[in-house]
Amino acid sequence: MDILKNVAALIKVKTIVTLVVIAVFAYLALTGAITADNVMIVVSTVIAFYFGTQTEKK
């Protein structure tokens, strides 16, 4: 049953938003619309916020 709880936790809105932001910025970087430096700044900020709020709950 722990697996089901983990899967349910992954489908939270915050997780979806985080994955979408990362995917969009990765796409923009691959197409050359923005530089890789900008992608790294945004993605690392989003990931830091996501994991920061996860550890705060525990």
N, C-alpha and C. Protein backbone atom coordinates (compact mmCIF):
# COMPACT_ATOMS: atom_id res chain seq x y z
N MET A 1 0.81 -1.20 0.00
CA MET A 1 0.00 0.00 0.00
C MET A 1 0.85 1.27 0.00
N ASP A 2 2.12 1.16 0.41
CA ASP A 2 2.99 2.33 0.38
C ASP A 2 3.21 2.82 -1.04
N ILE A 3 3.23 1.90 -1.98
CA ILE A 3 3.42 2.30 -3.38
C ILE A 3 2.25 3.15 -3.84
N LEU A 4 1.04 2.78 -3.48
CA LEU A 4 -0.14 3.56 -3.86
C LEU A 4 -0.11 4.95 -3.24
N LYS A 5 0.35 5.05 -2.01
CA LYS A 5 0.45 6.36 -1.36
C LYS A 5 1.49 7.22 -2.06
N ASN A 6 2.60 6.61 -2.47
CA ASN A 6 3.64 7.36 -3.17
C ASN A 6 3.15 7.84 -4.53
N VAL A 7 2.41 7.00 -5.24
CA VAL A 7 1.88 7.39 -6.55
C VAL A 7 0.87 8.52 -6.37
N ALA A 8 0.03 8.43 -5.36
CA ALA A 8 -0.95 9.49 -5.10
C ALA A 8 -0.26 10.80 -4.75
N ALA A 9 0.84 10.72 -4.04
CA ALA A 9 1.58 11.93 -3.69
C ALA A 9 2.21 12.58 -4.91
N LEU A 10 2.56 11.79 -5.91
CA LEU A 10 3.16 12.33 -7.13
C LEU A 10 2.17 13.08 -7.99
N ILE A 11 0.91 12.81 -7.81
CA ILE A 11 -0.11 13.40 -8.68
C ILE A 11 -0.70 14.67 -8.05
N LYS A 12 -0.01 15.27 -7.17
CA LYS A 12 -0.46 16.51 -6.58
C LYS A 12 -0.21 17.66 -7.54
N VAL A 13 -0.96 18.71 -7.38
CA VAL A 13 -0.89 19.85 -8.29
C VAL A 13 0.51 20.45 -8.32
N LYS A 14 1.14 20.56 -7.18
CA LYS A 14 2.48 21.16 -7.12
C LYS A 14 3.48 20.36 -7.93
N THR A 15 3.35 19.04 -7.89
CA THR A 15 4.24 18.18 -8.65
C THR A 15 4.01 18.36 -10.14
N ILE A 16 2.76 18.42 -10.53
CA ILE A 16 2.44 18.61 -11.95
C ILE A 16 2.96 19.94 -12.45
N VAL A 17 2.77 20.99 -11.67
CA VAL A 17 3.26 22.32 -12.07
C VAL A 17 4.78 22.31 -12.19
N THR A 18 5.45 21.68 -11.26
CA THR A 18 6.91 21.60 -11.30
C THR A 18 7.38 20.89 -12.56
N LEU A 19 6.78 19.77 -12.87
CA LEU A 19 7.18 19.02 -14.07
C LEU A 19 6.87 19.78 -15.35
N VAL A 20 5.75 20.48 -15.39
CA VAL A 20 5.40 21.26 -16.59
C VAL A 20 6.39 22.41 -16.78
N VAL A 21 6.72 23.10 -15.70
CA VAL A 21 7.68 24.22 -15.81
C VAL A 21 9.03 23.72 -16.32
N ILE A 22 9.49 22.61 -15.77
CA ILE A 22 10.77 22.04 -16.22
C ILE A 22 10.69 21.64 -17.69
N ALA A 23 9.59 21.01 -18.09
CA ALA A 23 9.45 20.58 -19.49
C ALA A 23 9.41 21.77 -20.44
N VAL A 24 8.69 22.82 -20.07
CA VAL A 24 8.59 24.00 -20.94
C VAL A 24 9.95 24.67 -21.10
N PHE A 25 10.66 24.86 -20.01
CA PHE A 25 11.95 25.51 -20.12
C PHE A 25 12.97 24.63 -20.83
N ALA A 26 12.88 23.32 -20.66
CA ALA A 26 13.76 22.42 -21.41
C ALA A 26 13.47 22.51 -22.91
N TYR A 27 12.20 22.57 -23.27
CA TYR A 27 11.82 22.71 -24.68
C TYR A 27 12.35 24.02 -25.25
N LEU A 28 12.16 25.11 -24.50
CA LEU A 28 12.63 26.42 -24.97
C LEU A 28 14.15 26.43 -25.14
N ALA A 29 14.85 25.75 -24.27
CA ALA A 29 16.30 25.70 -24.38
C ALA A 29 16.72 24.87 -25.60
N LEU A 30 16.03 23.76 -25.82
CA LEU A 30 16.39 22.90 -26.96
C LEU A 30 16.09 23.57 -28.29
N THR A 31 15.05 24.39 -28.35
CA THR A 31 14.72 25.07 -29.60
C THR A 31 15.51 26.35 -29.78
N GLY A 32 16.25 26.76 -28.77
CA GLY A 32 17.09 27.94 -28.88
C GLY A 32 16.38 29.23 -28.54
N ALA A 33 15.16 29.16 -28.01
CA ALA A 33 14.42 30.37 -27.68
C ALA A 33 15.03 31.09 -26.49
N ILE A 34 15.62 30.34 -25.55
CA ILE A 34 16.30 30.94 -24.42
C ILE A 34 17.62 30.21 -24.21
N THR A 35 18.51 30.84 -23.46
CA THR A 35 19.82 30.24 -23.24
C THR A 35 19.77 29.19 -22.13
N ALA A 36 20.73 28.32 -22.14
CA ALA A 36 20.80 27.26 -21.13
C ALA A 36 20.99 27.83 -19.73
N ASP A 37 21.68 28.96 -19.62
CA ASP A 37 21.88 29.59 -18.30
C ASP A 37 20.54 29.99 -17.68
N ASN A 38 19.66 30.56 -18.51
CA ASN A 38 18.34 30.95 -18.00
C ASN A 38 17.54 29.74 -17.58
N VAL A 39 17.65 28.66 -18.33
CA VAL A 39 16.93 27.43 -17.98
C VAL A 39 17.42 26.90 -16.64
N MET A 40 18.71 26.88 -16.44
CA MET A 40 19.27 26.36 -15.19
C MET A 40 18.82 27.19 -14.00
N ILE A 41 18.75 28.49 -14.15
CA ILE A 41 18.32 29.34 -13.05
C ILE A 41 16.86 29.04 -12.68
N VAL A 42 16.00 28.99 -13.68
CA VAL A 42 14.58 28.78 -13.41
C VAL A 42 14.32 27.37 -12.88
N VAL A 43 14.91 26.38 -13.53
CA VAL A 43 14.68 24.99 -13.11
C VAL A 43 15.23 24.74 -11.71
N SER A 44 16.40 25.24 -11.41
CA SER A 44 16.95 25.03 -10.07
C SER A 44 16.12 25.75 -9.01
N THR A 45 15.58 26.92 -9.34
CA THR A 45 14.71 27.62 -8.40
C THR A 45 13.43 26.84 -8.14
N VAL A 46 12.82 26.32 -9.20
CA VAL A 46 11.59 25.54 -9.05
C VAL A 46 11.84 24.27 -8.26
N ILE A 47 12.93 23.57 -8.56
CA ILE A 47 13.24 22.33 -7.85
C ILE A 47 13.56 22.62 -6.39
N ALA A 48 14.29 23.69 -6.12
CA ALA A 48 14.60 24.04 -4.74
C ALA A 48 13.33 24.36 -3.96
N PHE A 49 12.43 25.09 -4.57
CA PHE A 49 11.17 25.40 -3.91
C PHE A 49 10.36 24.13 -3.67
N TYR A 50 10.29 23.27 -4.67
CA TYR A 50 9.52 22.03 -4.55
C TYR A 50 10.05 21.16 -3.42
N PHE A 51 11.36 20.89 -3.43
CA PHE A 51 11.92 20.03 -2.39
C PHE A 51 11.97 20.73 -1.03
N GLY A 52 12.08 22.04 -1.02
CA GLY A 52 12.05 22.79 0.23
C GLY A 52 10.71 22.67 0.91
N THR A 53 9.63 22.73 0.14
CA THR A 53 8.31 22.60 0.74
C THR A 53 8.02 21.15 1.12
N GLN A 54 8.62 20.19 0.44
CA GLN A 54 8.42 18.78 0.79
C GLN A 54 9.08 18.47 2.13
N THR A 55 10.28 18.97 2.36
CA THR A 55 10.96 18.69 3.62
C THR A 55 10.33 19.48 4.77
N GLU A 56 9.72 20.61 4.46
CA GLU A 56 9.07 21.41 5.51
C GLU A 56 7.87 20.66 6.07
N LYS A 57 7.15 19.92 5.25
CA LYS A 57 5.97 19.18 5.69
C LYS A 57 6.35 18.06 6.65
N LYS A 58 7.49 17.44 6.42
CA LYS A 58 7.92 16.30 7.24
C LYS A 58 8.53 16.81 8.49
